[in-house]
C-alpha atoms as a PDB file:
ATOM      1  CA  UNK A   1     -20.230  -2.696   8.100  1.00  0.00           C
ATOM      2  CA  UNK A   2     -17.545  -5.000   6.735  1.00  0.00           C
ATOM      3  CA  UNK A   3     -15.974  -7.294   9.315  1.00  0.00           C
ATOM      4  CA  UNK A   4     -12.449  -8.490   8.512  1.00  0.00           C
ATOM      5  CA  UNK A   5     -11.028 -11.322  10.611  1.00  0.00           C
ATOM      6  CA  UNK A   6      -7.353 -12.220  10.208  1.00  0.00           C
ATOM      7  CA  UNK A   7      -6.161 -15.771  10.840  1.00  0.00           C
ATOM      8  CA  UNK A   8      -2.884 -16.250  12.702  1.00  0.00           C
ATOM      9  CA  UNK A   9      -0.982 -19.233  13.985  1.00  0.00           C
ATOM     10  CA  UNK A  10       2.292 -19.057  15.904  1.00  0.00           C
ATOM     11  CA  UNK A  11       2.362 -15.310  15.179  1.00  0.00           C
ATOM     12  CA  UNK A  12       2.116 -15.821  11.395  1.00  0.00           C
ATOM     13  CA  UNK A  13      -0.690 -14.255   9.384  1.00  0.00           C
ATOM     14  CA  UNK A  14      -1.928 -16.824   6.871  1.00  0.00           C
ATOM     15  CA  UNK A  15      -5.367 -15.584   5.822  1.00  0.00           C
ATOM     16  CA  UNK A  16      -8.475 -13.540   6.461  1.00  0.00           C
ATOM     17  CA  UNK A  17     -12.208 -13.398   5.883  1.00  0.00           C
ATOM     18  CA  UNK A  18     -14.390 -10.436   4.985  1.00  0.00           C
ATOM     19  CA  UNK A  19     -18.133 -10.360   5.578  1.00  0.00           C
ATOM     20  CA  UNK A  20     -20.778  -7.706   5.105  1.00  0.00           C
ATOM     21  CA  UNK A  21     -20.919  -4.475   3.158  1.00  0.00           C
ATOM     22  CA  UNK A  22     -19.176  -1.290   4.267  1.00  0.00           C
ATOM     23  CA  UNK A  23     -22.222   0.887   3.647  1.00  0.00           C
ATOM     24  CA  UNK A  24     -20.152   4.054   3.246  1.00  0.00           C
ATOM     25  CA  UNK A  25     -22.026   5.032   0.066  1.00  0.00           C
ATOM     26  CA  UNK A  26     -24.286   3.600  -2.630  1.00  0.00           C
ATOM     27  CA  UNK A  27     -23.038   0.710  -4.763  1.00  0.00           C
ATOM     28  CA  UNK A  28     -20.527   1.964  -7.289  1.00  0.00           C
ATOM     29  CA  UNK A  29     -19.705   4.994  -5.106  1.00  0.00           C
ATOM     30  CA  UNK A  30     -18.471   3.218  -1.968  1.00  0.00           C
ATOM     31  CA  UNK A  31     -14.755   4.021  -1.700  1.00  0.00           C
ATOM     32  CA  UNK A  32     -14.349   1.882   1.431  1.00  0.00           C
ATOM     33  CA  UNK A  33     -15.701  -1.178  -0.366  1.00  0.00           C
ATOM     34  CA  UNK A  34     -13.545  -0.412  -3.393  1.00  0.00           C
ATOM     35  CA  UNK A  35     -10.416  -0.112  -1.229  1.00  0.00           C
ATOM     36  CA  UNK A  36     -11.110  -3.423   0.523  1.00  0.00           C
ATOM     37  CA  UNK A  37     -11.741  -5.195  -2.779  1.00  0.00           C
ATOM     38  CA  UNK A  38      -8.598  -3.786  -4.377  1.00  0.00           C
ATOM     39  CA  UNK A  39      -6.363  -4.712  -1.428  1.00  0.00           C
ATOM     40  CA  UNK A  40      -7.858  -8.206  -1.208  1.00  0.00           C
ATOM     41  CA  UNK A  41      -7.276  -8.956  -4.876  1.00  0.00           C
ATOM     42  CA  UNK A  42      -3.758  -7.470  -4.681  1.00  0.00           C
ATOM     43  CA  UNK A  43      -2.933 -10.078  -2.036  1.00  0.00           C
ATOM     44  CA  UNK A  44      -4.542 -12.960  -3.952  1.00  0.00           C
ATOM     45  CA  UNK A  45      -2.829 -12.034  -7.229  1.00  0.00           C
ATOM     46  CA  UNK A  46       0.562 -11.344  -5.643  1.00  0.00           C
ATOM     47  CA  UNK A  47       0.603 -14.671  -3.823  1.00  0.00           C
ATOM     48  CA  UNK A  48      -0.631 -16.654  -6.840  1.00  0.00           C
ATOM     49  CA  UNK A  49       1.466 -14.986  -9.530  1.00  0.00           C
ATOM     50  CA  UNK A  50       4.505 -13.317  -7.950  1.00  0.00           C
ATOM     51  CA  UNK A  51       5.136 -15.974  -5.296  1.00  0.00           C
ATOM     52  CA  UNK A  52       3.651 -18.910  -7.279  1.00  0.00           C
ATOM     53  CA  UNK A  53       1.879 -20.206  -4.197  1.00  0.00           C
ATOM     54  CA  UNK A  54      -1.528 -21.768  -3.823  1.00  0.00           C
ATOM     55  CA  UNK A  55      -4.218 -19.466  -2.425  1.00  0.00           C
ATOM     56  CA  UNK A  56      -7.383 -21.041  -1.115  1.00  0.00           C
ATOM     57  CA  UNK A  57     -10.165 -18.530  -1.525  1.00  0.00           C
ATOM     58  CA  UNK A  58     -13.910 -18.586  -1.791  1.00  0.00           C
ATOM     59  CA  UNK A  59     -16.226 -15.780  -2.796  1.00  0.00           C
ATOM     60  CA  UNK A  60     -19.940 -15.969  -2.067  1.00  0.00           C
ATOM     61  CA  UNK A  61     -21.518 -14.557  -5.221  1.00  0.00           C
ATOM     62  CA  UNK A  62     -24.683 -13.513  -3.384  1.00  0.00           C
ATOM     63  CA  UNK A  63     -23.099 -11.707  -0.428  1.00  0.00           C
ATOM     64  CA  UNK A  64     -19.572 -10.983  -1.776  1.00  0.00           C
ATOM     65  CA  UNK A  65     -18.157 -12.472   1.440  1.00  0.00           C
ATOM     66  CA  UNK A  66     -14.643 -13.791   0.874  1.00  0.00           C
ATOM     67  CA  UNK A  67     -12.246 -16.082   2.709  1.00  0.00           C
ATOM     68  CA  UNK A  68      -8.564 -16.185   1.768  1.00  0.00           C
ATOM     69  CA  UNK A  69      -6.023 -18.665   3.187  1.00  0.00           C
ATOM     70  CA  UNK A  70      -2.435 -19.438   2.217  1.00  0.00           C
ATOM     71  CA  UNK A  71      -1.608 -22.747   3.935  1.00  0.00           C
ATOM     72  CA  UNK A  72       2.062 -22.689   2.897  1.00  0.00           C
ATOM     73  CA  UNK A  73       2.671 -19.849   5.387  1.00  0.00           C
ATOM     74  CA  UNK A  74       2.277 -22.473   8.109  1.00  0.00           C
ATOM     75  CA  UNK A  75       4.945 -24.745   6.557  1.00  0.00           C
ATOM     76  CA  UNK A  76       7.891 -24.291   8.916  1.00  0.00           C
ATOM     77  CA  UNK A  77      10.436 -26.119   6.756  1.00  0.00           C
ATOM     78  CA  UNK A  78      13.693 -24.197   6.195  1.00  0.00           C
ATOM     79  CA  UNK A  79      13.287 -24.155   2.393  1.00  0.00           C
ATOM     80  CA  UNK A  80       9.949 -22.335   2.805  1.00  0.00           C
ATOM     81  CA  UNK A  81      11.246 -19.621   5.151  1.00  0.00           C
ATOM     82  CA  UNK A  82      11.551 -16.761   2.629  1.00  0.00           C
ATOM     83  CA  UNK A  83       8.087 -17.320   1.130  1.00  0.00           C
ATOM     84  CA  UNK A  84       6.573 -17.818   4.588  1.00  0.00           C
ATOM     85  CA  UNK A  85       7.770 -14.422   5.765  1.00  0.00           C
ATOM     86  CA  UNK A  86       7.041 -12.662   2.456  1.00  0.00           C
ATOM     87  CA  UNK A  87       3.456 -13.909   2.242  1.00  0.00           C
ATOM     88  CA  UNK A  88       2.781 -13.605   5.967  1.00  0.00           C
ATOM     89  CA  UNK A  89       4.213 -10.076   5.832  1.00  0.00           C
ATOM     90  CA  UNK A  90       1.970  -9.180   2.907  1.00  0.00           C
ATOM     91  CA  UNK A  91      -1.108 -10.308   4.833  1.00  0.00           C
ATOM     92  CA  UNK A  92       0.116  -8.554   7.973  1.00  0.00           C
ATOM     93  CA  UNK A  93       0.590  -5.397   5.887  1.00  0.00           C
ATOM     94  CA  UNK A  94      -3.094  -5.580   4.942  1.00  0.00           C
ATOM     95  CA  UNK A  95      -3.979  -5.893   8.633  1.00  0.00           C
ATOM     96  CA  UNK A  96      -1.865  -2.832   9.492  1.00  0.00           C
ATOM     97  CA  UNK A  97      -3.372  -0.805   6.631  1.00  0.00           C
ATOM     98  CA  UNK A  98      -6.849  -1.605   7.889  1.00  0.00           C
ATOM     99  CA  UNK A  99      -5.870  -0.582  11.410  1.00  0.00           C
ATOM    100  CA  UNK A 100      -4.906   2.817   9.960  1.00  0.00           C
ATOM    101  CA  UNK A 101      -8.204   3.010   8.069  1.00  0.00           C
ATOM    102  CA  UNK A 102     -10.113   2.423  11.308  1.00  0.00           C
ATOM    103  CA  UNK A 103      -9.211   5.954  12.413  1.00  0.00           C
ATOM    104  CA  UNK A 104     -11.432   7.442   9.700  1.00  0.00           C
ATOM    105  CA  UNK A 105     -13.831   4.597   8.875  1.00  0.00           C
ATOM    106  CA  UNK A 106     -14.594   2.959  12.229  1.00  0.00           C
ATOM    107  CA  UNK A 107     -18.333   3.048  11.445  1.00  0.00           C
ATOM    108  CA  UNK A 108     -17.787   1.036   8.260  1.00  0.00           C
ATOM    109  CA  UNK A 109     -15.125  -1.593   9.030  1.00  0.00           C
ATOM    110  CA  UNK A 110     -14.308  -3.865  11.926  1.00  0.00           C
ATOM    111  CA  UNK A 111     -10.926  -5.623  12.194  1.00  0.00           C
ATOM    112  CA  UNK A 112      -9.930  -8.474  14.467  1.00  0.00           C
ATOM    113  CA  UNK A 113      -7.408 -11.287  14.726  1.00  0.00           C
ATOM    114  CA  UNK A 114      -7.973 -14.872  15.723  1.00  0.00           C
ATOM    115  CA  UNK A 115      -5.595 -17.732  16.464  1.00  0.00           C
ATOM    116  CA  UNK A 116      -6.884 -20.464  14.182  1.00  0.00           C
END
């Protein structure tokens, strides 16, 4: 099972961590794992390239566990407002997509939020 924990502060999503393997199918055939990987990298690449913001992420090469954080989402200055809501909304969109996926893949993914 893959456990995804989303980090929030003051109602703003600013990151997440993913641990474990979905176990839906064998390596190379696991569509749940592939979906999670694709959505994770979409967020990292969109924030880094499209929004030109720093993304702090680490990937454990042995376990494939990943942690992604975008500290600028927590910057409450007025000049950061548009990026804050765009990036926080992108991460929240991932959370909502995973909540939908839980209906069919509840044995393979776990999703939670934490105020951190």
